Amino acid sequence: MPHPFDPVLLRSFIAVVEEGGFTRAAARLNLGQPTVSHHVRRLEEAAGRRLLSRDTHSLETTVDGDAMLGFARRILDADMQARSYFTGAKTRERLRFGASEDFVLSGLPDLLRDFVRGHPLVDLELTVGLSETLYETLDHGALDLIFCKRREGDGRGRSVLRDDLAWVGAGQALDPEQPVPLVLYPPPSVTREIAIATLDRAGRSWRIACTSGSLSGLGAAVFAGLGVMPHSRRLMPQGLTDVSAASGLPALGQVEFVVVGSARVLRGPAAALADALVESRGRLTRMRLMAAANVAGGV
């Protein structure tokens, strides 16, 4: 009988595929890059197939690699379920987590997937919304933890990342004689208030060209050339550009993203997820591809 696939090798293989390279996979797993490379070679030897096609510029799964990816995830899920079962009966916990719309196209989904896999007895309930709305929901006791922009005057929470706000567009030139066409979240919105206040202070006229409660909707409007939107530079959807200087628009300043809990001292799953967010700030700003053709359908 052939030996079963080693879960350690499977985890390294999955990390390499999901992170798009050995260096980022090694950082995610807290291993050295040579160790991760060795794990993948051993897995290919065990499978008797080539799983990755790689050169100095790219890395892709082969047909057999795609099949192994599905098998590996199911094997590790079954392993985790078995371990959970045989460690004895434990009480399930619920974590009501709210995240800012800014992160729907970032590395947050991957981080949450890893959190759920690592905490099989935690039922994670995710709410995505505007930062101000998340604060209100938290204050009313309907959320346990939120990850969003820091509310002005609110000193609660742990800082996860700070970034410059940019005027984001599709490269189109703005007529300086015409009102600035704005693509904005509806109120209450932190970036909406900052953008309008900034233009008012600079004496620039403006108009609302599009309002949407979702980042995909805003991105579609910007891709279509309807206007520009204020957005975190590091979380800018791929395909869009910072047009601040080219358009002669006033600087928007910075925005800070924080994790805030309903309790003064976080414990259990809430503390674990807060720690994961703080420790993974670089991973959170890794943006997913937002194709203009796909997004435009949501205008």
Protein backbone atom coordinates (compact mmCIF):
# COMPACT_ATOMS: atom_id res chain seq x y z
CA MET A 1 0.00 0.00 0.00
CA PRO A 2 1.34 3.50 -0.82
CA HIS A 3 1.93 5.86 2.08
CA PRO A 4 -0.78 8.49 2.77
CA PHE A 5 -0.02 12.06 1.78
CA ASP A 6 1.69 13.95 4.60
CA PRO A 7 -0.53 16.85 5.83
CA VAL A 8 2.61 18.98 6.34
CA LEU A 9 3.44 18.67 2.64
CA LEU A 10 -0.15 19.37 1.67
CA ARG A 11 -0.25 22.56 3.75
CA SER A 12 2.91 23.86 2.10
CA PHE A 13 1.57 23.06 -1.37
CA ILE A 14 -1.73 24.85 -0.69
CA ALA A 15 0.11 27.89 0.69
CA VAL A 16 2.37 28.13 -2.38
CA VAL A 17 -0.61 28.01 -4.74
CA GLU A 18 -2.74 30.46 -2.76
CA GLU A 19 0.09 32.92 -2.14
CA GLY A 20 1.42 32.69 -5.69
CA GLY A 21 4.98 31.88 -4.70
CA PHE A 22 7.35 30.17 -2.29
CA THR A 23 8.52 33.31 -0.48
CA ARG A 24 5.03 34.48 0.57
CA ALA A 25 4.04 30.89 1.39
CA ALA A 26 7.06 30.55 3.67
CA ALA A 27 6.15 33.79 5.46
CA ARG A 28 2.57 32.61 5.91
CA LEU A 29 3.69 29.27 7.36
CA ASN A 30 6.56 30.72 9.40
CA LEU A 31 8.98 28.43 7.59
CA GLY A 32 12.09 28.96 5.52
CA GLN A 33 11.69 29.10 1.75
CA PRO A 34 14.00 26.08 1.20
CA THR A 35 11.80 24.06 3.58
CA VAL A 36 8.65 24.91 1.64
CA SER A 37 10.37 24.08 -1.66
CA HIS A 38 11.49 20.76 -0.20
CA HIS A 39 7.93 19.99 0.93
CA VAL A 40 6.56 20.58 -2.56
CA ARG A 41 9.27 18.40 -4.15
CA ARG A 42 8.46 15.59 -1.69
CA LEU A 43 4.77 15.89 -2.48
CA GLU A 44 5.48 15.70 -6.22
CA GLU A 45 7.63 12.62 -5.60
CA ALA A 46 4.87 11.03 -3.51
CA ALA A 47 2.29 11.76 -6.22
CA GLY A 48 4.60 10.73 -9.03
CA ARG A 49 3.41 13.78 -10.97
CA ARG A 50 4.56 17.31 -11.61
CA LEU A 51 2.22 19.61 -9.67
CA LEU A 52 3.65 23.06 -10.41
CA SER A 53 4.95 24.65 -13.57
CA ARG A 54 7.39 27.37 -12.60
CA ASP A 55 10.14 29.57 -13.93
CA THR A 56 11.82 32.75 -12.72
CA HIS A 57 8.77 34.87 -13.51
CA SER A 58 5.66 32.78 -12.96
CA LEU A 59 4.19 29.86 -11.08
CA GLU A 60 1.12 27.89 -12.15
CA THR A 61 -0.48 24.59 -11.21
CA THR A 62 -0.45 21.80 -13.75
CA VAL A 63 -3.58 19.77 -14.46
CA ASP A 64 -2.42 17.28 -11.82
CA GLY A 65 -1.65 20.21 -9.50
CA ASP A 66 -5.24 21.46 -9.80
CA ALA A 67 -6.47 17.99 -8.88
CA MET A 68 -4.06 17.77 -5.94
CA LEU A 69 -5.22 21.18 -4.68
CA GLY A 70 -8.78 19.93 -4.36
CA PHE A 71 -7.71 16.66 -2.75
CA ALA A 72 -5.34 18.45 -0.35
CA ARG A 73 -8.03 20.79 0.92
CA ARG A 74 -10.46 17.94 1.51
CA ILE A 75 -7.79 15.84 3.23
CA LEU A 76 -6.85 18.67 5.59
CA ASP A 77 -10.48 19.49 6.30
CA ALA A 78 -11.17 15.86 7.18
CA ASP A 79 -8.02 15.77 9.35
CA MET A 80 -9.15 18.88 11.24
CA GLN A 81 -12.66 17.49 11.75
CA ALA A 82 -11.26 14.22 13.07
CA ARG A 83 -8.93 15.97 15.48
CA SER A 84 -11.77 18.16 16.71
CA TYR A 85 -14.01 15.14 17.25
CA PHE A 86 -11.47 13.11 19.22
CA THR A 87 -10.32 15.95 21.44
CA GLY A 88 -13.65 15.61 23.23
CA ALA A 89 -16.88 17.54 23.26
CA LYS A 90 -16.36 21.28 23.33
CA THR A 91 -18.83 24.11 23.37
CA ARG A 92 -19.29 25.87 20.05
CA GLU A 93 -18.78 29.62 20.09
CA ARG A 94 -20.15 32.38 17.89
CA LEU A 95 -18.15 35.36 16.65
CA ARG A 96 -20.07 38.20 15.02
CA PHE A 97 -17.49 40.03 12.92
CA GLY A 98 -17.96 43.18 10.86
CA ALA A 99 -15.53 44.27 8.15
CA SER A 100 -15.29 47.45 6.12
CA GLU A 101 -16.32 47.29 2.46
CA ASP A 102 -12.75 48.41 1.63
CA PHE A 103 -11.40 44.90 2.20
CA VAL A 104 -13.75 42.76 0.09
CA LEU A 105 -11.16 42.62 -2.73
CA SER A 106 -8.12 42.26 -0.47
CA GLY A 107 -6.46 39.38 1.37
CA LEU A 108 -9.15 39.43 4.08
CA PRO A 109 -11.18 36.51 2.62
CA ASP A 110 -8.07 34.30 2.67
CA LEU A 111 -7.30 35.32 6.25
CA LEU A 112 -10.86 34.53 7.35
CA ARG A 113 -10.71 31.17 5.60
CA ASP A 114 -7.57 30.26 7.52
CA PHE A 115 -9.15 31.48 10.77
CA VAL A 116 -12.25 29.33 10.26
CA ARG A 117 -10.12 26.27 9.47
CA GLY A 118 -8.03 26.87 12.56
CA HIS A 119 -11.09 27.36 14.79
CA PRO A 120 -13.57 24.67 13.71
CA LEU A 121 -15.74 25.17 16.80
CA VAL A 122 -16.27 28.87 16.09
CA ASP A 123 -19.27 29.92 14.02
CA LEU A 124 -18.12 33.09 12.26
CA GLU A 125 -20.89 35.46 11.21
CA LEU A 126 -19.58 38.09 8.78
CA THR A 127 -21.15 41.50 8.18
CA VAL A 128 -19.69 43.74 5.46
CA GLY A 129 -20.64 47.39 5.49
CA LEU A 130 -19.66 51.02 5.86
CA SER A 131 -17.41 51.85 8.79
CA GLU A 132 -19.89 54.18 10.52
CA THR A 133 -22.64 51.59 10.20
CA LEU A 134 -20.37 48.94 11.71
CA TYR A 135 -19.59 51.19 14.68
CA GLU A 136 -23.30 51.75 15.28
CA THR A 137 -24.01 48.01 15.08
CA LEU A 138 -21.15 47.28 17.48
CA ASP A 139 -22.38 49.92 19.93
CA HIS A 140 -25.86 48.36 19.86
CA GLY A 141 -24.40 44.98 20.84
CA ALA A 142 -25.08 43.24 17.52
CA LEU A 143 -21.39 42.68 16.65
CA ASP A 144 -18.47 41.38 18.73
CA LEU A 145 -15.59 42.70 16.63
CA ILE A 146 -15.23 45.15 13.75
CA PHE A 147 -12.39 45.96 11.35
CA CYS A 148 -12.86 49.34 9.72
CA LYS A 149 -11.70 52.95 9.43
CA ARG A 150 -11.06 54.73 12.70
CA ARG A 151 -14.00 56.89 13.63
CA GLU A 152 -13.09 60.52 14.28
CA GLY A 153 -12.76 61.12 18.00
CA ASP A 154 -13.02 57.42 18.89
CA GLY A 155 -9.89 56.20 20.67
CA ARG A 156 -10.95 52.57 20.92
CA GLY A 157 -9.31 49.71 19.11
CA ARG A 158 -5.92 48.52 17.88
CA SER A 159 -4.34 50.02 14.81
CA VAL A 160 -3.88 47.55 11.96
CA LEU A 161 -2.69 49.79 9.15
CA ARG A 162 -2.51 53.43 8.11
CA ASP A 163 -2.56 54.57 4.50
CA ASP A 164 -2.82 57.66 2.29
CA LEU A 165 -6.18 58.40 0.76
CA ALA A 166 -6.02 58.94 -2.99
CA TRP A 167 -8.30 60.21 -5.70
CA VAL A 168 -8.84 57.06 -7.75
CA GLY A 169 -9.86 57.04 -11.39
CA ALA A 170 -9.60 55.13 -14.64
CA GLY A 171 -7.00 57.52 -16.09
CA GLN A 172 -9.45 59.99 -17.57
CA ALA A 173 -8.60 63.69 -17.45
CA LEU A 174 -10.81 66.02 -15.43
CA ASP A 175 -11.86 69.41 -16.73
CA PRO A 176 -10.68 71.93 -14.10
CA GLU A 177 -13.49 74.27 -15.14
CA GLN A 178 -16.18 71.72 -14.33
CA PRO A 179 -17.34 70.38 -10.93
CA VAL A 180 -15.41 67.31 -9.80
CA PRO A 181 -17.56 64.24 -10.55
CA LEU A 182 -17.58 62.16 -7.36
CA VAL A 183 -18.21 58.43 -7.00
CA LEU A 184 -19.00 57.89 -3.33
CA TYR A 185 -20.41 55.59 -0.70
CA PRO A 186 -23.74 56.83 0.69
CA PRO A 187 -23.81 58.57 4.08
CA PRO A 188 -22.70 57.80 6.68
CA SER A 189 -19.29 57.28 5.11
CA VAL A 190 -15.89 58.33 6.43
CA THR A 191 -14.32 58.80 2.98
CA ARG A 192 -17.40 60.60 1.65
CA GLU A 193 -17.19 63.19 4.41
CA ILE A 194 -13.42 63.60 3.95
CA ALA A 195 -13.71 64.05 0.17
CA ILE A 196 -16.47 66.65 0.31
CA ALA A 197 -14.86 68.58 3.18
CA THR A 198 -11.50 68.58 1.36
CA LEU A 199 -12.96 69.95 -1.85
CA ASP A 200 -14.98 72.56 0.03
CA ARG A 201 -11.86 73.80 1.85
CA ALA A 202 -10.00 74.01 -1.45
CA GLY A 203 -12.83 75.94 -3.07
CA ARG A 204 -13.42 73.25 -5.71
CA SER A 205 -16.96 72.69 -6.88
CA TRP A 206 -18.20 69.10 -7.05
CA ARG A 207 -21.17 66.96 -7.98
CA ILE A 208 -22.28 63.43 -7.10
CA ALA A 209 -21.89 61.28 -10.22
CA CYS A 210 -22.61 57.93 -8.57
CA THR A 211 -23.53 56.55 -5.16
CA SER A 212 -23.16 52.88 -4.25
CA GLY A 213 -22.98 50.93 -1.02
CA SER A 214 -20.56 48.37 -2.49
CA LEU A 215 -16.97 48.64 -3.65
CA SER A 216 -17.82 46.69 -6.80
CA GLY A 217 -20.47 49.25 -7.66
CA LEU A 218 -18.10 52.16 -7.08
CA GLY A 219 -15.38 50.42 -9.07
CA ALA A 220 -17.77 49.83 -11.97
CA ALA A 221 -18.70 53.51 -12.06
CA VAL A 222 -15.06 54.61 -12.00
CA PHE A 223 -14.11 52.08 -14.69
CA ALA A 224 -16.95 53.49 -16.80
CA GLY A 225 -15.45 56.96 -16.52
CA LEU A 226 -18.25 58.48 -14.48
CA GLY A 227 -15.91 60.12 -12.02
CA VAL A 228 -13.29 59.70 -9.30
CA MET A 229 -13.56 58.23 -5.82
CA PRO A 230 -11.57 58.69 -2.61
CA HIS A 231 -9.97 55.44 -1.57
CA SER A 232 -7.06 53.93 0.34
CA ARG A 233 -4.08 53.87 -2.03
CA ARG A 234 -2.87 50.43 -0.92
CA LEU A 235 -6.37 48.95 -1.21
CA MET A 236 -7.02 50.43 -4.65
CA PRO A 237 -8.76 47.90 -6.94
CA GLN A 238 -6.48 46.66 -9.70
CA GLY A 239 -7.03 48.43 -12.99
CA LEU A 240 -7.63 51.81 -11.36
CA THR A 241 -5.00 54.49 -10.79
CA ASP A 242 -4.17 57.34 -8.46
CA VAL A 243 -5.12 60.47 -10.42
CA SER A 244 -4.58 62.94 -7.57
CA ALA A 245 -1.61 64.79 -9.09
CA ALA A 246 -2.72 64.56 -12.72
CA SER A 247 -6.13 65.98 -11.87
CA GLY A 248 -4.83 68.75 -9.63
CA LEU A 249 -7.04 67.64 -6.78
CA PRO A 250 -6.26 68.56 -3.15
CA ALA A 251 -4.59 66.00 -0.88
CA LEU A 252 -7.03 63.90 1.15
CA GLY A 253 -4.70 63.01 4.02
CA GLN A 254 -4.55 59.60 5.63
CA VAL A 255 -6.95 56.99 6.91
CA GLU A 256 -6.35 54.47 9.71
CA PHE A 257 -7.92 51.03 9.89
CA VAL A 258 -8.48 49.59 13.35
CA VAL A 259 -9.94 46.51 14.97
CA VAL A 260 -12.44 47.31 17.71
CA GLY A 261 -14.18 44.91 20.09
CA SER A 262 -17.41 45.20 22.00
CA ALA A 263 -15.58 44.27 25.22
CA ARG A 264 -12.84 46.38 26.79
CA VAL A 265 -10.62 43.27 26.98
CA LEU A 266 -10.94 40.81 24.11
CA ARG A 267 -10.94 37.11 24.88
CA GLY A 268 -11.40 33.84 23.04
CA PRO A 269 -12.15 33.90 19.28
CA ALA A 270 -12.47 37.71 19.18
CA ALA A 271 -8.96 38.11 20.60
CA ALA A 272 -7.59 35.45 18.24
CA LEU A 273 -9.07 37.12 15.15
CA ALA A 274 -7.93 40.58 16.28
CA ASP A 275 -4.37 39.25 16.71
CA ALA A 276 -4.50 37.63 13.26
CA LEU A 277 -5.55 40.93 11.66
CA VAL A 278 -2.81 42.92 13.38
CA GLU A 279 -0.15 40.34 12.51
CA SER A 280 -1.26 40.03 8.85
CA ARG A 281 -1.41 43.68 7.78
CA GLY A 282 0.79 43.00 4.75
CA ARG A 283 -1.41 40.15 3.63
CA LEU A 284 -4.54 42.30 3.97
CA THR A 285 -3.36 44.82 1.38
CA ARG A 286 -2.74 42.18 -1.30
CA MET A 287 -5.46 43.01 -3.78
CA ARG A 288 -7.38 40.57 -5.93
CA LEU A 289 -7.85 41.25 -9.63
CA MET A 290 -10.93 43.35 -10.37
CA ALA A 291 -11.40 43.03 -14.12
CA ALA A 292 -12.97 46.05 -15.76
CA ALA A 293 -15.10 43.89 -18.02
CA ASN A 294 -16.57 42.01 -15.10
CA VAL A 295 -17.11 45.05 -12.93
CA ALA A 296 -18.68 47.14 -15.64
CA GLY A 297 -21.68 44.83 -15.62
CA GLY A 298 -22.54 46.16 -12.17
CA VAL A 299 -22.89 49.82 -13.20
